[in-house]
PDB file of N, CA and C in Angstrom:
ATOM      1  N   UNK A   1     -18.828  -4.568   2.349  1.00  0.00           N
ATOM      2  CA  UNK A   1     -17.438  -4.716   1.947  1.00  0.00           C
ATOM      3  C   UNK A   1     -16.996  -6.135   2.284  1.00  0.00           C
ATOM      4  N   UNK A   2     -16.220  -6.716   1.376  1.00  0.00           N
ATOM      5  CA  UNK A   2     -15.649  -8.034   1.585  1.00  0.00           C
ATOM      6  C   UNK A   2     -14.200  -7.832   2.030  1.00  0.00           C
ATOM      7  N   UNK A   3     -13.881  -8.069   3.297  1.00  0.00           N
ATOM      8  CA  UNK A   3     -12.528  -7.784   3.803  1.00  0.00           C
ATOM      9  C   UNK A   3     -11.507  -8.810   3.330  1.00  0.00           C
ATOM     10  N   UNK A   4     -10.306  -8.303   2.956  1.00  0.00           N
ATOM     11  CA  UNK A   4      -9.241  -9.163   2.461  1.00  0.00           C
ATOM     12  C   UNK A   4      -7.928  -9.011   3.223  1.00  0.00           C
ATOM     13  N   UNK A   5      -7.629  -7.815   3.700  1.00  0.00           N
ATOM     14  CA  UNK A   5      -6.289  -7.574   4.250  1.00  0.00           C
ATOM     15  C   UNK A   5      -6.369  -6.462   5.292  1.00  0.00           C
ATOM     16  N   UNK A   6      -5.631  -6.637   6.375  1.00  0.00           N
ATOM     17  CA  UNK A   6      -5.535  -5.637   7.428  1.00  0.00           C
ATOM     18  C   UNK A   6      -4.091  -5.187   7.508  1.00  0.00           C
ATOM     19  N   UNK A   7      -3.866  -3.868   7.497  1.00  0.00           N
ATOM     20  CA  UNK A   7      -2.497  -3.339   7.488  1.00  0.00           C
ATOM     21  C   UNK A   7      -2.393  -2.180   8.478  1.00  0.00           C
ATOM     22  N   UNK A   8      -1.268  -2.136   9.183  1.00  0.00           N
ATOM     23  CA  UNK A   8      -1.013  -1.032  10.103  1.00  0.00           C
ATOM     24  C   UNK A   8       0.026  -0.105   9.484  1.00  0.00           C
ATOM     25  N   UNK A   9      -0.228   1.183   9.573  1.00  0.00           N
ATOM     26  CA  UNK A   9       0.751   2.169   9.117  1.00  0.00           C
ATOM     27  C   UNK A   9       0.629   3.405   9.993  1.00  0.00           C
ATOM     28  N   UNK A  10       1.737   3.859  10.520  1.00  0.00           N
ATOM     29  CA  UNK A  10       1.797   5.087  11.295  1.00  0.00           C
ATOM     30  C   UNK A  10       0.826   5.048  12.482  1.00  0.00           C
ATOM     31  N   UNK A  11       0.797   3.899  13.177  1.00  0.00           N
ATOM     32  CA  UNK A  11      -0.057   3.681  14.342  1.00  0.00           C
ATOM     33  C   UNK A  11      -1.553   3.720  14.043  1.00  0.00           C
ATOM     34  N   UNK A  12      -1.925   3.469  12.811  1.00  0.00           N
ATOM     35  CA  UNK A  12      -3.345   3.367  12.439  1.00  0.00           C
ATOM     36  C   UNK A  12      -3.537   2.103  11.630  1.00  0.00           C
ATOM     37  N   UNK A  13      -4.715   1.515  11.741  1.00  0.00           N
ATOM     38  CA  UNK A  13      -5.041   0.294  11.017  1.00  0.00           C
ATOM     39  C   UNK A  13      -5.919   0.613   9.823  1.00  0.00           C
ATOM     40  N   UNK A  14      -5.741  -0.158   8.756  1.00  0.00           N
ATOM     41  CA  UNK A  14      -6.520   0.015   7.529  1.00  0.00           C
ATOM     42  C   UNK A  14      -7.001  -1.353   7.057  1.00  0.00           C
ATOM     43  N   UNK A  15      -8.257  -1.420   6.687  1.00  0.00           N
ATOM     44  CA  UNK A  15      -8.869  -2.638   6.196  1.00  0.00           C
ATOM     45  C   UNK A  15      -9.039  -2.521   4.690  1.00  0.00           C
ATOM     46  N   UNK A  16      -8.487  -3.471   3.952  1.00  0.00           N
ATOM     47  CA  UNK A  16      -8.580  -3.477   2.498  1.00  0.00           C
ATOM     48  C   UNK A  16      -9.558  -4.552   2.063  1.00  0.00           C
ATOM     49  N   UNK A  17     -10.393  -4.217   1.107  1.00  0.00           N
ATOM     50  CA  UNK A  17     -11.350  -5.185   0.598  1.00  0.00           C
ATOM     51  C   UNK A  17     -12.072  -4.649  -0.623  1.00  0.00           C
ATOM     52  N   UNK A  18     -13.112  -5.358  -0.985  1.00  0.00           N
ATOM     53  CA  UNK A  18     -13.886  -4.988  -2.173  1.00  0.00           C
ATOM     54  C   UNK A  18     -15.302  -4.613  -1.747  1.00  0.00           C
ATOM     55  N   UNK A  19     -15.763  -3.507  -2.273  1.00  0.00           N
ATOM     56  CA  UNK A  19     -17.159  -3.129  -2.138  1.00  0.00           C
ATOM     57  C   UNK A  19     -17.904  -3.825  -3.274  1.00  0.00           C
ATOM     58  N   UNK A  20     -19.053  -4.396  -3.002  1.00  0.00           N
ATOM     59  CA  UNK A  20     -19.774  -5.150  -4.031  1.00  0.00           C
ATOM     60  C   UNK A  20     -20.156  -4.300  -5.236  1.00  0.00           C
ATOM     61  N   UNK A  21     -20.208  -2.976  -5.074  1.00  0.00           N
ATOM     62  CA  UNK A  21     -20.613  -2.078  -6.154  1.00  0.00           C
ATOM     63  C   UNK A  21     -19.446  -1.598  -7.017  1.00  0.00           C
ATOM     64  N   UNK A  22     -18.207  -1.892  -6.628  1.00  0.00           N
ATOM     65  CA  UNK A  22     -17.036  -1.396  -7.352  1.00  0.00           C
ATOM     66  C   UNK A  22     -16.069  -2.544  -7.654  1.00  0.00           C
ATOM     67  N   UNK A  23     -15.303  -2.399  -8.708  1.00  0.00           N
ATOM     68  CA  UNK A  23     -14.308  -3.403  -9.072  1.00  0.00           C
ATOM     69  C   UNK A  23     -12.952  -3.138  -8.435  1.00  0.00           C
ATOM     70  N   UNK A  24     -12.753  -1.926  -7.949  1.00  0.00           N
ATOM     71  CA  UNK A  24     -11.449  -1.545  -7.409  1.00  0.00           C
ATOM     72  C   UNK A  24     -11.332  -1.918  -5.934  1.00  0.00           C
ATOM     73  N   UNK A  25     -10.112  -1.889  -5.441  1.00  0.00           N
ATOM     74  CA  UNK A  25      -9.823  -2.150  -4.039  1.00  0.00           C
ATOM     75  C   UNK A  25     -10.209  -0.923  -3.221  1.00  0.00           C
ATOM     76  N   UNK A  26     -10.794  -1.163  -2.056  1.00  0.00           N
ATOM     77  CA  UNK A  26     -11.215  -0.083  -1.162  1.00  0.00           C
ATOM     78  C   UNK A  26     -10.467  -0.226   0.145  1.00  0.00           C
ATOM     79  N   UNK A  27     -10.089   0.909   0.757  1.00  0.00           N
ATOM     80  CA  UNK A  27      -9.526   0.807   2.101  1.00  0.00           C
ATOM     81  C   UNK A  27     -10.309   1.696   3.054  1.00  0.00           C
ATOM     82  N   UNK A  28     -10.496   1.187   4.267  1.00  0.00           N
ATOM     83  CA  UNK A  28     -11.220   1.895   5.314  1.00  0.00           C
ATOM     84  C   UNK A  28     -10.394   1.873   6.588  1.00  0.00           C
ATOM     85  N   UNK A  29     -10.525   2.922   7.378  1.00  0.00           N
ATOM     86  CA  UNK A  29      -9.880   2.959   8.690  1.00  0.00           C
ATOM     87  C   UNK A  29     -10.886   2.430   9.713  1.00  0.00           C
ATOM     88  N   UNK A  30     -10.642   1.256  10.316  1.00  0.00           N
ATOM     89  CA  UNK A  30     -11.615   0.682  11.253  1.00  0.00           C
ATOM     90  C   UNK A  30     -11.987   1.602  12.407  1.00  0.00           C
ATOM     91  N   UNK A  31     -11.082   2.479  12.835  1.00  0.00           N
ATOM     92  CA  UNK A  31     -11.409   3.377  13.944  1.00  0.00           C
ATOM     93  C   UNK A  31     -12.402   4.468  13.542  1.00  0.00           C
ATOM     94  N   UNK A  32     -12.726   4.554  12.259  1.00  0.00           N
ATOM     95  CA  UNK A  32     -13.701   5.551  11.787  1.00  0.00           C
ATOM     96  C   UNK A  32     -15.013   4.928  11.312  1.00  0.00           C
ATOM     97  N   UNK A  33     -15.123   3.613  11.426  1.00  0.00           N
ATOM     98  CA  UNK A  33     -16.362   2.938  11.045  1.00  0.00           C
ATOM     99  C   UNK A  33     -17.379   3.168  12.148  1.00  0.00           C
ATOM    100  N   UNK A  34     -18.547   3.680  11.774  1.00  0.00           N
ATOM    101  CA  UNK A  34     -19.581   4.000  12.755  1.00  0.00           C
ATOM    102  C   UNK A  34     -20.500   2.822  13.063  1.00  0.00           C
ATOM    103  N   UNK A  35     -20.745   1.967  12.068  1.00  0.00           N
ATOM    104  CA  UNK A  35     -21.614   0.816  12.317  1.00  0.00           C
ATOM    105  C   UNK A  35     -21.278  -0.301  11.337  1.00  0.00           C
ATOM    106  N   UNK A  36     -21.627  -1.517  11.729  1.00  0.00           N
ATOM    107  CA  UNK A  36     -21.408  -2.693  10.899  1.00  0.00           C
ATOM    108  C   UNK A  36     -22.717  -3.464  10.845  1.00  0.00           C
ATOM    109  N   UNK A  37     -23.097  -3.872   9.651  1.00  0.00           N
ATOM    110  CA  UNK A  37     -24.323  -4.652   9.483  1.00  0.00           C
ATOM    111  C   UNK A  37     -24.001  -5.928   8.728  1.00  0.00           C
ATOM    112  N   UNK A  38     -24.743  -6.973   9.000  1.00  0.00           N
ATOM    113  CA  UNK A  38     -24.566  -8.240   8.311  1.00  0.00           C
ATOM    114  C   UNK A  38     -25.087  -8.108   6.886  1.00  0.00           C
ATOM    115  N   UNK A  39     -24.254  -8.412   5.906  1.00  0.00           N
ATOM    116  CA  UNK A  39     -24.666  -8.309   4.511  1.00  0.00           C
ATOM    117  C   UNK A  39     -25.417  -9.547   4.059  1.00  0.00           C
ATOM    118  N   UNK A  40     -26.260  -9.401   3.093  1.00  0.00           N
ATOM    119  CA  UNK A  40     -27.039 -10.520   2.564  1.00  0.00           C
ATOM    120  C   UNK A  40     -26.425 -11.070   1.284  1.00  0.00           C
ATOM    121  N   UNK A  41     -25.233 -10.606   0.936  1.00  0.00           N
ATOM    122  CA  UNK A  41     -24.587 -11.009  -0.302  1.00  0.00           C
ATOM    123  C   UNK A  41     -23.599 -12.136  -0.036  1.00  0.00           C
ATOM    124  N   UNK A  42     -23.445 -13.069  -0.967  1.00  0.00           N
ATOM    125  CA  UNK A  42     -22.424 -14.110  -0.781  1.00  0.00           C
ATOM    126  C   UNK A  42     -21.026 -13.491  -0.838  1.00  0.00           C
ATOM    127  N   UNK A  43     -20.128 -14.019  -0.020  1.00  0.00           N
ATOM    128  CA  UNK A  43     -18.762 -13.499   0.058  1.00  0.00           C
ATOM    129  C   UNK A  43     -18.041 -13.719  -1.262  1.00  0.00           C
ATOM    130  N   UNK A  44     -17.328 -12.692  -1.725  1.00  0.00           N
ATOM    131  CA  UNK A  44     -16.526 -12.773  -2.945  1.00  0.00           C
ATOM    132  C   UNK A  44     -15.065 -12.960  -2.521  1.00  0.00           C
ATOM    133  N   UNK A  45     -14.500 -14.097  -2.863  1.00  0.00           N
ATOM    134  CA  UNK A  45     -13.094 -14.380  -2.537  1.00  0.00           C
ATOM    135  C   UNK A  45     -12.172 -13.435  -3.304  1.00  0.00           C
ATOM    136  N   UNK A  46     -11.018 -13.134  -2.716  1.00  0.00           N
ATOM    137  CA  UNK A  46     -10.004 -12.323  -3.379  1.00  0.00           C
ATOM    138  C   UNK A  46      -9.212 -13.192  -4.343  1.00  0.00           C
ATOM    139  N   UNK A  47      -9.341 -12.909  -5.622  1.00  0.00           N
ATOM    140  CA  UNK A  47      -8.556 -13.615  -6.642  1.00  0.00           C
ATOM    141  C   UNK A  47      -7.703 -12.643  -7.455  1.00  0.00           C
ATOM    142  N   UNK A  48      -7.747 -11.363  -7.095  1.00  0.00           N
ATOM    143  CA  UNK A  48      -7.076 -10.335  -7.902  1.00  0.00           C
ATOM    144  C   UNK A  48      -5.831  -9.735  -7.286  1.00  0.00           C
ATOM    145  N   UNK A  49      -5.766  -9.621  -5.971  1.00  0.00           N
ATOM    146  CA  UNK A  49      -4.687  -8.869  -5.348  1.00  0.00           C
ATOM    147  C   UNK A  49      -3.800  -9.763  -4.496  1.00  0.00           C
ATOM    148  N   UNK A  50      -2.499  -9.706  -4.773  1.00  0.00           N
ATOM    149  CA  UNK A  50      -1.487 -10.315  -3.918  1.00  0.00           C
ATOM    150  C   UNK A  50      -0.940  -9.156  -3.081  1.00  0.00           C
ATOM    151  N   UNK A  51      -1.282  -9.111  -1.802  1.00  0.00           N
ATOM    152  CA  UNK A  51      -0.955  -7.932  -1.000  1.00  0.00           C
ATOM    153  C   UNK A  51       0.531  -7.789  -0.720  1.00  0.00           C
ATOM    154  N   UNK A  52       1.291  -8.870  -0.749  1.00  0.00           N
ATOM    155  CA  UNK A  52       2.751  -8.725  -0.642  1.00  0.00           C
ATOM    156  C   UNK A  52       3.286  -7.959  -1.841  1.00  0.00           C
ATOM    157  N   UNK A  53       2.810  -8.270  -3.019  1.00  0.00           N
ATOM    158  CA  UNK A  53       3.226  -7.564  -4.228  1.00  0.00           C
ATOM    159  C   UNK A  53       2.620  -6.160  -4.276  1.00  0.00           C
ATOM    160  N   UNK A  54       1.378  -6.024  -3.873  1.00  0.00           N
ATOM    161  CA  UNK A  54       0.674  -4.735  -3.910  1.00  0.00           C
ATOM    162  C   UNK A  54       1.418  -3.670  -3.101  1.00  0.00           C
ATOM    163  N   UNK A  55       1.925  -4.048  -1.923  1.00  0.00           N
ATOM    164  CA  UNK A  55       2.598  -3.081  -1.053  1.00  0.00           C
ATOM    165  C   UNK A  55       4.103  -3.021  -1.253  1.00  0.00           C
ATOM    166  N   UNK A  56       4.637  -3.756  -2.220  1.00  0.00           N
ATOM    167  CA  UNK A  56       6.080  -3.805  -2.432  1.00  0.00           C
ATOM    168  C   UNK A  56       6.687  -2.429  -2.708  1.00  0.00           C
ATOM    169  N   UNK A  57       6.019  -1.601  -3.475  1.00  0.00           N
ATOM    170  CA  UNK A  57       6.552  -0.287  -3.860  1.00  0.00           C
ATOM    171  C   UNK A  57       5.789   0.863  -3.208  1.00  0.00           C
ATOM    172  N   UNK A  58       5.087   0.586  -2.119  1.00  0.00           N
ATOM    173  CA  UNK A  58       4.267   1.614  -1.477  1.00  0.00           C
ATOM    174  C   UNK A  58       4.762   1.844  -0.058  1.00  0.00           C
ATOM    175  N   UNK A  59       4.925   3.102   0.306  1.00  0.00           N
ATOM    176  CA  UNK A  59       5.167   3.474   1.692  1.00  0.00           C
ATOM    177  C   UNK A  59       3.824   4.003   2.185  1.00  0.00           C
ATOM    178  N   UNK A  60       3.262   3.374   3.178  1.00  0.00           N
ATOM    179  CA  UNK A  60       1.947   3.765   3.659  1.00  0.00           C
ATOM    180  C   UNK A  60       0.893   2.796   3.174  1.00  0.00           C
ATOM    181  N   UNK A  61      -0.286   3.329   2.839  1.00  0.00           N
ATOM    182  CA  UNK A  61      -1.390   2.451   2.457  1.00  0.00           C
ATOM    183  C   UNK A  61      -2.009   2.786   1.106  1.00  0.00           C
ATOM    184  N   UNK A  62      -1.574   3.864   0.481  1.00  0.00           N
ATOM    185  CA  UNK A  62      -2.186   4.220  -0.801  1.00  0.00           C
ATOM    186  C   UNK A  62      -1.148   4.817  -1.739  1.00  0.00           C
ATOM    187  N   UNK A  63      -1.523   4.902  -3.000  1.00  0.00           N
ATOM    188  CA  UNK A  63      -0.653   5.494  -4.001  1.00  0.00           C
ATOM    189  C   UNK A  63      -1.515   6.211  -5.023  1.00  0.00           C
ATOM    190  N   UNK A  64      -0.897   7.111  -5.794  1.00  0.00           N
ATOM    191  CA  UNK A  64      -1.640   7.927  -6.741  1.00  0.00           C
ATOM    192  C   UNK A  64      -1.555   7.433  -8.173  1.00  0.00           C
ATOM    193  N   UNK A  65      -0.640   6.537  -8.470  1.00  0.00           N
ATOM    194  CA  UNK A  65      -0.518   6.066  -9.846  1.00  0.00           C
ATOM    195  C   UNK A  65       0.076   4.669  -9.856  1.00  0.00           C
ATOM    196  N   UNK A  66      -0.005   4.030 -10.991  1.00  0.00           N
ATOM    197  CA  UNK A  66       0.579   2.700 -11.134  1.00  0.00           C
ATOM    198  C   UNK A  66       2.049   2.761 -11.521  1.00  0.00           C
ATOM    199  N   UNK A  67       2.574   3.965 -11.718  1.00  0.00           N
ATOM    200  CA  UNK A  67       3.965   4.143 -12.115  1.00  0.00           C
ATOM    201  C   UNK A  67       4.877   4.112 -10.897  1.00  0.00           C
ATOM    202  N   UNK A  68       5.924   3.318 -10.958  1.00  0.00           N
ATOM    203  CA  UNK A  68       6.950   3.319  -9.921  1.00  0.00           C
ATOM    204  C   UNK A  68       8.046   4.250 -10.395  1.00  0.00           C
ATOM    205  N   UNK A  69       8.430   5.173  -9.557  1.00  0.00           N
ATOM    206  CA  UNK A  69       9.439   6.159  -9.929  1.00  0.00           C
ATOM    207  C   UNK A  69      10.787   5.750  -9.354  1.00  0.00           C
ATOM    208  N   UNK A  70      11.799   5.652 -10.215  1.00  0.00           N
ATOM    209  CA  UNK A  70      13.146   5.345  -9.751  1.00  0.00           C
ATOM    210  C   UNK A  70      13.805   6.630  -9.277  1.00  0.00           C
ATOM    211  N   UNK A  71      14.495   6.514  -8.158  1.00  0.00           N
ATOM    212  CA  UNK A  71      15.173   7.666  -7.576  1.00  0.00           C
ATOM    213  C   UNK A  71      16.652   7.342  -7.485  1.00  0.00           C
ATOM    214  N   UNK A  72      17.484   8.249  -7.962  1.00  0.00           N
ATOM    215  CA  UNK A  72      18.935   8.088  -7.862  1.00  0.00           C
ATOM    216  C   UNK A  72      19.447   9.042  -6.798  1.00  0.00           C
ATOM    217  N   UNK A  73      20.204   8.496  -5.860  1.00  0.00           N
ATOM    218  CA  UNK A  73      20.820   9.312  -4.827  1.00  0.00           C
ATOM    219  C   UNK A  73      22.322   9.282  -5.002  1.00  0.00           C
ATOM    220  N   UNK A  74      22.934  10.428  -4.986  1.00  0.00           N
ATOM    221  CA  UNK A  74      24.381  10.530  -5.047  1.00  0.00           C
ATOM    222  C   UNK A  74      24.874  10.727  -3.619  1.00  0.00           C
ATOM    223  N   UNK A  75      25.681   9.786  -3.151  1.00  0.00           N
ATOM    224  CA  UNK A  75      26.171   9.831  -1.777  1.00  0.00           C
ATOM    225  C   UNK A  75      27.679   9.957  -1.800  1.00  0.00           C
ATOM    226  N   UNK A  76      28.161  10.958  -1.148  1.00  0.00           N
ATOM    227  CA  UNK A  76      29.608  11.159  -1.052  1.00  0.00           C
ATOM    228  C   UNK A  76      30.031  10.984   0.399  1.00  0.00           C
ATOM    229  N   UNK A  77      31.094  10.230   0.584  1.00  0.00           N
ATOM    230  CA  UNK A  77      31.617  10.034   1.920  1.00  0.00           C
ATOM    231  C   UNK A  77      32.318  11.312   2.344  1.00  0.00           C
ATOM    232  N   UNK A  78      32.017  11.760   3.520  1.00  0.00           N
ATOM    233  CA  UNK A  78      32.583  13.012   4.008  1.00  0.00           C
ATOM    234  C   UNK A  78      34.104  12.912   4.110  1.00  0.00           C
ATOM    235  N   UNK A  79      34.790  13.902   3.599  1.00  0.00           N
ATOM    236  CA  UNK A  79      36.231  13.952   3.703  1.00  0.00           C
ATOM    237  C   UNK A  79      36.989  13.306   2.551  1.00  0.00           C
ATOM    238  N   UNK A  80      36.292  12.750   1.583  1.00  0.00           N
ATOM    239  CA  UNK A  80      37.018  12.154   0.460  1.00  0.00           C
ATOM    240  C   UNK A  80      37.117  13.167  -0.664  1.00  0.00           C
ATOM    241  N   UNK A  81      38.133  13.005  -1.488  1.00  0.00           N
ATOM    242  CA  UNK A  81      38.317  13.898  -2.622  1.00  0.00           C
ATOM    243  C   UNK A  81      38.195  13.140  -3.929  1.00  0.00           C
ATOM    244  N   UNK A  82      37.574  11.960  -3.856  1.00  0.00           N
ATOM    245  CA  UNK A  82      37.432  11.171  -5.070  1.00  0.00           C
ATOM    246  C   UNK A  82      36.380  11.788  -5.980  1.00  0.00           C
ATOM    247  N   UNK A  83      36.650  11.727  -7.244  1.00  0.00           N
ATOM    248  CA  UNK A  83      35.686  12.264  -8.218  1.00  0.00           C
ATOM    249  C   UNK A  83      34.523  11.307  -8.428  1.00  0.00           C
ATOM    250  N   UNK A  84      34.805  10.006  -8.264  1.00  0.00           N
ATOM    251  CA  UNK A  84      33.733   9.021  -8.456  1.00  0.00           C
ATOM    252  C   UNK A  84      33.063   8.724  -7.116  1.00  0.00           C
ATOM    253  N   UNK A  85      31.746   8.689  -7.110  1.00  0.00           N
ATOM    254  CA  UNK A  85      30.984   8.395  -5.900  1.00  0.00           C
ATOM    255  C   UNK A  85      30.085   7.198  -6.167  1.00  0.00           C
ATOM    256  N   UNK A  86      29.720   6.539  -5.123  1.00  0.00           N
ATOM    257  CA  UNK A  86      28.850   5.380  -5.256  1.00  0.00           C
ATOM    258  C   UNK A  86      27.409   5.826  -5.491  1.00  0.00           C
ATOM    259  N   UNK A  87      26.745   5.197  -6.442  1.00  0.00           N
ATOM    260  CA  UNK A  87      25.334   5.493  -6.677  1.00  0.00           C
ATOM    261  C   UNK A  87      24.501   4.349  -6.137  1.00  0.00           C
ATOM    262  N   UNK A  88      23.426   4.694  -5.447  1.00  0.00           N
ATOM    263  CA  UNK A  88      22.504   3.707  -4.918  1.00  0.00           C
ATOM    264  C   UNK A  88      21.195   3.807  -5.654  1.00  0.00           C
ATOM    265  N   UNK A  89      20.636   2.696  -6.044  1.00  0.00           N
ATOM    266  CA  UNK A  89      19.352   2.667  -6.749  1.00  0.00           C
ATOM    267  C   UNK A  89      18.314   2.064  -5.828  1.00  0.00           C
ATOM    268  N   UNK A  90      17.160   2.718  -5.716  1.00  0.00           N
ATOM    269  CA  UNK A  90      16.052   2.222  -4.893  1.00  0.00           C
ATOM    270  C   UNK A  90      14.897   1.882  -5.786  1.00  0.00           C
TER     271      UNK A  90
END
């Protein structure tokens, strides 16, 4: 694996990088790695992922789709009788 980014979430660390056999991003939990060996392959620089942008819409370390879902929350202030309420967009 060619390591590119280290991220902590929920008191656990995750290492993001590329496996030479796959084109996609891989993440591993370093506390679960049993052994490390020196690879004989030349290092492949990261030219595909901007991790600030990658994690912009993610809570945690992974996601199930490329779709970002907009959520509308209706918040009413307690004790008001106004018909109109403020809407917040996330």
